[in-house]
Amino acid sequence: MTDRKDLEGLTILGETGVPSKKLETFPNHDPEREYTVRLTTDEFTCICPKTGQPDFAALTIEYIPGGKILESKSLKLYLWSYRNEGIFHEHVTNRILDDLVAALEPRWCRVTADFAIRGGISITVEAEHRAPAGEA
């Protein structure tokens, strides 16, 4: 059951949203259990750092939580913050993974970014993290 203490530190949920690089978490009530959380969106956008043209991707974020769970509205606003950022597909996928790992300290996490075809070529980038044995 979610209790009031779980809501401490959540500053974005319930407020109006603006793009932000802040990822918020709440406590995992079952840290001893290994289960997978999967979040997906087909609305991710960033721009090409050279041409300024928009890039569109479907993102899948999967993780096995340690002590923390990702609050989804903060993720939405975090992803939105890339909308006008010029960044290569490989770089943004790895940066998202790094930021998720820093916020969540998960047992395992994978980010898959399936970018839309542009110039006749599609690009899919998968970046993965696994906590060393005995951590998370």
C-alpha atoms as a PDB file:
ATOM      1  CA  MET A   1       0.000   0.000   0.000  1.00  0.00           C
ATOM      2  CA  THR A   2       1.268   3.470  -0.817  1.00  0.00           C
ATOM      3  CA  ASP A   3       1.573   5.673   2.234  1.00  0.00           C
ATOM      4  CA  ARG A   4       2.164   9.408   2.722  1.00  0.00           C
ATOM      5  CA  LYS A   5       5.868   8.882   3.342  1.00  0.00           C
ATOM      6  CA  ASP A   6       6.200   7.523  -0.229  1.00  0.00           C
ATOM      7  CA  LEU A   7       5.155  10.952  -1.525  1.00  0.00           C
ATOM      8  CA  GLU A   8       7.911  12.846   0.281  1.00  0.00           C
ATOM      9  CA  GLY A   9      10.326  14.398  -2.169  1.00  0.00           C
ATOM     10  CA  LEU A  10       7.943  14.247  -5.133  1.00  0.00           C
ATOM     11  CA  THR A  11       7.785  17.854  -6.309  1.00  0.00           C
ATOM     12  CA  ILE A  12       6.625  17.404  -9.912  1.00  0.00           C
ATOM     13  CA  LEU A  13       3.616  15.103  -9.575  1.00  0.00           C
ATOM     14  CA  GLY A  14       0.410  17.133  -9.273  1.00  0.00           C
ATOM     15  CA  GLU A  15       2.030  20.340 -10.521  1.00  0.00           C
ATOM     16  CA  THR A  16       1.968  21.974 -13.941  1.00  0.00           C
ATOM     17  CA  GLY A  17       4.681  20.595 -16.131  1.00  0.00           C
ATOM     18  CA  VAL A  18       7.620  22.232 -17.799  1.00  0.00           C
ATOM     19  CA  PRO A  19      10.576  20.403 -19.374  1.00  0.00           C
ATOM     20  CA  SER A  20      13.121  19.392 -16.725  1.00  0.00           C
ATOM     21  CA  LYS A  21      16.167  17.160 -16.384  1.00  0.00           C
ATOM     22  CA  LYS A  22      15.013  16.188 -12.861  1.00  0.00           C
ATOM     23  CA  LEU A  23      14.048  12.532 -12.429  1.00  0.00           C
ATOM     24  CA  GLU A  24      12.076  11.795  -9.273  1.00  0.00           C
ATOM     25  CA  THR A  25      11.680   8.483  -7.499  1.00  0.00           C
ATOM     26  CA  PHE A  26       9.650   6.917  -4.721  1.00  0.00           C
ATOM     27  CA  PRO A  27      10.477   3.956  -2.450  1.00  0.00           C
ATOM     28  CA  ASN A  28      10.230   0.391  -3.714  1.00  0.00           C
ATOM     29  CA  HIS A  29       8.176  -1.580  -1.182  1.00  0.00           C
ATOM     30  CA  ASP A  30       9.480  -4.895  -2.559  1.00  0.00           C
ATOM     31  CA  PRO A  31      13.244  -4.389  -3.022  1.00  0.00           C
ATOM     32  CA  GLU A  32      13.985  -8.068  -2.332  1.00  0.00           C
ATOM     33  CA  ARG A  33      11.798  -9.161  -5.280  1.00  0.00           C
ATOM     34  CA  GLU A  34      13.212  -9.119  -8.794  1.00  0.00           C
ATOM     35  CA  TYR A  35      10.560  -7.677 -11.103  1.00  0.00           C
ATOM     36  CA  THR A  36      10.715  -5.620 -14.277  1.00  0.00           C
ATOM     37  CA  VAL A  37       9.224  -2.174 -14.841  1.00  0.00           C
ATOM     38  CA  ARG A  38       8.706  -1.205 -18.497  1.00  0.00           C
ATOM     39  CA  LEU A  39       7.892   2.322 -19.663  1.00  0.00           C
ATOM     40  CA  THR A  40       7.275   3.121 -23.339  1.00  0.00           C
ATOM     41  CA  THR A  41       6.575   6.149 -25.464  1.00  0.00           C
ATOM     42  CA  ASP A  42       6.437   6.796 -29.176  1.00  0.00           C
ATOM     43  CA  GLU A  43       6.624  10.574 -28.691  1.00  0.00           C
ATOM     44  CA  PHE A  44      10.337  11.155 -28.036  1.00  0.00           C
ATOM     45  CA  THR A  45      11.936  13.927 -30.079  1.00  0.00           C
ATOM     46  CA  CYS A  46      15.304  15.616 -30.280  1.00  0.00           C
ATOM     47  CA  ILE A  47      17.029  17.375 -33.142  1.00  0.00           C
ATOM     48  CA  CYS A  48      20.024  16.598 -35.326  1.00  0.00           C
ATOM     49  CA  PRO A  49      22.994  18.546 -33.955  1.00  0.00           C
ATOM     50  CA  LYS A  50      24.197  19.407 -37.481  1.00  0.00           C
ATOM     51  CA  THR A  51      21.034  20.087 -39.507  1.00  0.00           C
ATOM     52  CA  GLY A  52      18.538  21.004 -36.795  1.00  0.00           C
ATOM     53  CA  GLN A  53      16.010  18.603 -38.328  1.00  0.00           C
ATOM     54  CA  PRO A  54      13.747  16.776 -35.881  1.00  0.00           C
ATOM     55  CA  ASP A  55      14.374  13.150 -34.974  1.00  0.00           C
ATOM     56  CA  PHE A  56      11.517  11.014 -33.676  1.00  0.00           C
ATOM     57  CA  ALA A  57      11.853   7.808 -31.673  1.00  0.00           C
ATOM     58  CA  ALA A  58       9.916   5.181 -29.817  1.00  0.00           C
ATOM     59  CA  LEU A  59      11.616   4.633 -26.454  1.00  0.00           C
ATOM     60  CA  THR A  60      11.397   1.612 -24.211  1.00  0.00           C
ATOM     61  CA  ILE A  61      12.876   1.850 -20.736  1.00  0.00           C
ATOM     62  CA  GLU A  62      13.088  -1.367 -18.740  1.00  0.00           C
ATOM     63  CA  TYR A  63      14.572  -1.790 -15.296  1.00  0.00           C
ATOM     64  CA  ILE A  64      14.699  -4.082 -12.300  1.00  0.00           C
ATOM     65  CA  PRO A  65      14.372  -1.743  -9.326  1.00  0.00           C
ATOM     66  CA  GLY A  66      16.598  -1.706  -6.311  1.00  0.00           C
ATOM     67  CA  GLY A  67      15.324   0.594  -3.586  1.00  0.00           C
ATOM     68  CA  LYS A  68      13.689   3.194  -5.860  1.00  0.00           C
ATOM     69  CA  ILE A  69      10.980   3.392  -8.520  1.00  0.00           C
ATOM     70  CA  LEU A  70      10.793   6.059 -11.214  1.00  0.00           C
ATOM     71  CA  GLU A  71       7.899   8.529 -11.019  1.00  0.00           C
ATOM     72  CA  SER A  72       6.446   8.632 -14.533  1.00  0.00           C
ATOM     73  CA  LYS A  73       5.498  12.320 -14.788  1.00  0.00           C
ATOM     74  CA  SER A  74       9.076  13.324 -14.031  1.00  0.00           C
ATOM     75  CA  LEU A  75      10.164  10.957 -16.822  1.00  0.00           C
ATOM     76  CA  LYS A  76       7.710  12.599 -19.231  1.00  0.00           C
ATOM     77  CA  LEU A  77       9.080  16.067 -18.463  1.00  0.00           C
ATOM     78  CA  TYR A  78      12.658  14.759 -18.591  1.00  0.00           C
ATOM     79  CA  LEU A  79      12.124  13.308 -22.077  1.00  0.00           C
ATOM     80  CA  TRP A  80      10.378  16.516 -23.159  1.00  0.00           C
ATOM     81  CA  SER A  81      13.534  18.449 -22.222  1.00  0.00           C
ATOM     82  CA  TYR A  82      15.306  16.885 -25.227  1.00  0.00           C
ATOM     83  CA  ARG A  83      12.789  18.274 -27.742  1.00  0.00           C
ATOM     84  CA  ASN A  84      15.020  21.184 -28.835  1.00  0.00           C
ATOM     85  CA  GLU A  85      18.380  19.653 -27.951  1.00  0.00           C
ATOM     86  CA  GLY A  86      20.802  18.829 -30.749  1.00  0.00           C
ATOM     87  CA  ILE A  87      22.190  15.386 -29.980  1.00  0.00           C
ATOM     88  CA  PHE A  88      23.113  12.229 -31.893  1.00  0.00           C
ATOM     89  CA  HIS A  89      20.942   9.133 -31.383  1.00  0.00           C
ATOM     90  CA  GLU A  90      23.711   7.135 -29.729  1.00  0.00           C
ATOM     91  CA  HIS A  91      24.590   9.963 -27.362  1.00  0.00           C
ATOM     92  CA  VAL A  92      21.044  10.656 -26.208  1.00  0.00           C
ATOM     93  CA  THR A  93      20.290   6.974 -25.596  1.00  0.00           C
ATOM     94  CA  ASN A  94      23.375   6.584 -23.414  1.00  0.00           C
ATOM     95  CA  ARG A  95      22.739   9.864 -21.584  1.00  0.00           C
ATOM     96  CA  ILE A  96      19.186   8.783 -20.747  1.00  0.00           C
ATOM     97  CA  LEU A  97      20.542   5.474 -19.415  1.00  0.00           C
ATOM     98  CA  ASP A  98      23.200   7.248 -17.339  1.00  0.00           C
ATOM     99  CA  ASP A  99      20.630   9.633 -15.837  1.00  0.00           C
ATOM    100  CA  LEU A 100      18.229   6.778 -15.026  1.00  0.00           C
ATOM    101  CA  VAL A 101      20.997   4.760 -13.374  1.00  0.00           C
ATOM    102  CA  ALA A 102      22.060   7.794 -11.312  1.00  0.00           C
ATOM    103  CA  ALA A 103      18.476   8.431 -10.143  1.00  0.00           C
ATOM    104  CA  LEU A 104      17.337   4.838  -9.608  1.00  0.00           C
ATOM    105  CA  GLU A 105      20.429   2.782  -8.746  1.00  0.00           C
ATOM    106  CA  PRO A 106      18.663  -0.197 -10.383  1.00  0.00           C
ATOM    107  CA  ARG A 107      19.773  -3.806 -10.432  1.00  0.00           C
ATOM    108  CA  TRP A 108      19.495  -3.666 -14.227  1.00  0.00           C
ATOM    109  CA  CYS A 109      18.321  -1.108 -16.773  1.00  0.00           C
ATOM    110  CA  ARG A 110      18.031  -0.984 -20.556  1.00  0.00           C
ATOM    111  CA  VAL A 111      17.033   1.906 -22.821  1.00  0.00           C
ATOM    112  CA  THR A 112      16.005   1.095 -26.380  1.00  0.00           C
ATOM    113  CA  ALA A 113      15.574   4.006 -28.777  1.00  0.00           C
ATOM    114  CA  ASP A 114      14.009   3.076 -32.114  1.00  0.00           C
ATOM    115  CA  PHE A 115      14.405   6.165 -34.294  1.00  0.00           C
ATOM    116  CA  ALA A 116      12.166   6.806 -37.287  1.00  0.00           C
ATOM    117  CA  ILE A 117      13.568   6.329 -40.762  1.00  0.00           C
ATOM    118  CA  ARG A 118      15.335   9.375 -42.130  1.00  0.00           C
ATOM    119  CA  GLY A 119      17.269   9.357 -45.385  1.00  0.00           C
ATOM    120  CA  GLY A 120      16.204   5.753 -45.942  1.00  0.00           C
ATOM    121  CA  ILE A 121      17.959   4.458 -42.813  1.00  0.00           C
ATOM    122  CA  SER A 122      16.508   3.570 -39.436  1.00  0.00           C
ATOM    123  CA  ILE A 123      18.643   3.507 -36.312  1.00  0.00           C
ATOM    124  CA  THR A 124      17.930   1.564 -33.154  1.00  0.00           C
ATOM    125  CA  VAL A 125      20.196   2.058 -30.158  1.00  0.00           C
ATOM    126  CA  GLU A 126      20.170  -0.159 -27.063  1.00  0.00           C
ATOM    127  CA  ALA A 127      22.161   0.782 -23.991  1.00  0.00           C
ATOM    128  CA  GLU A 128      22.256  -1.421 -20.900  1.00  0.00           C
ATOM    129  CA  HIS A 129      23.469  -1.271 -17.315  1.00  0.00           C
ATOM    130  CA  ARG A 130      23.817  -4.059 -14.774  1.00  0.00           C
ATOM    131  CA  ALA A 131      24.732  -3.349 -11.171  1.00  0.00           C
ATOM    132  CA  PRO A 132      27.789  -5.239  -9.929  1.00  0.00           C
ATOM    133  CA  ALA A 133      26.977  -8.303  -7.830  1.00  0.00           C
ATOM    134  CA  GLY A 134      25.981  -7.346  -4.303  1.00  0.00           C
ATOM    135  CA  GLU A 135      24.817  -3.811  -5.182  1.00  0.00           C
ATOM    136  CA  ALA A 136      21.281  -2.397  -5.598  1.00  0.00           C
END
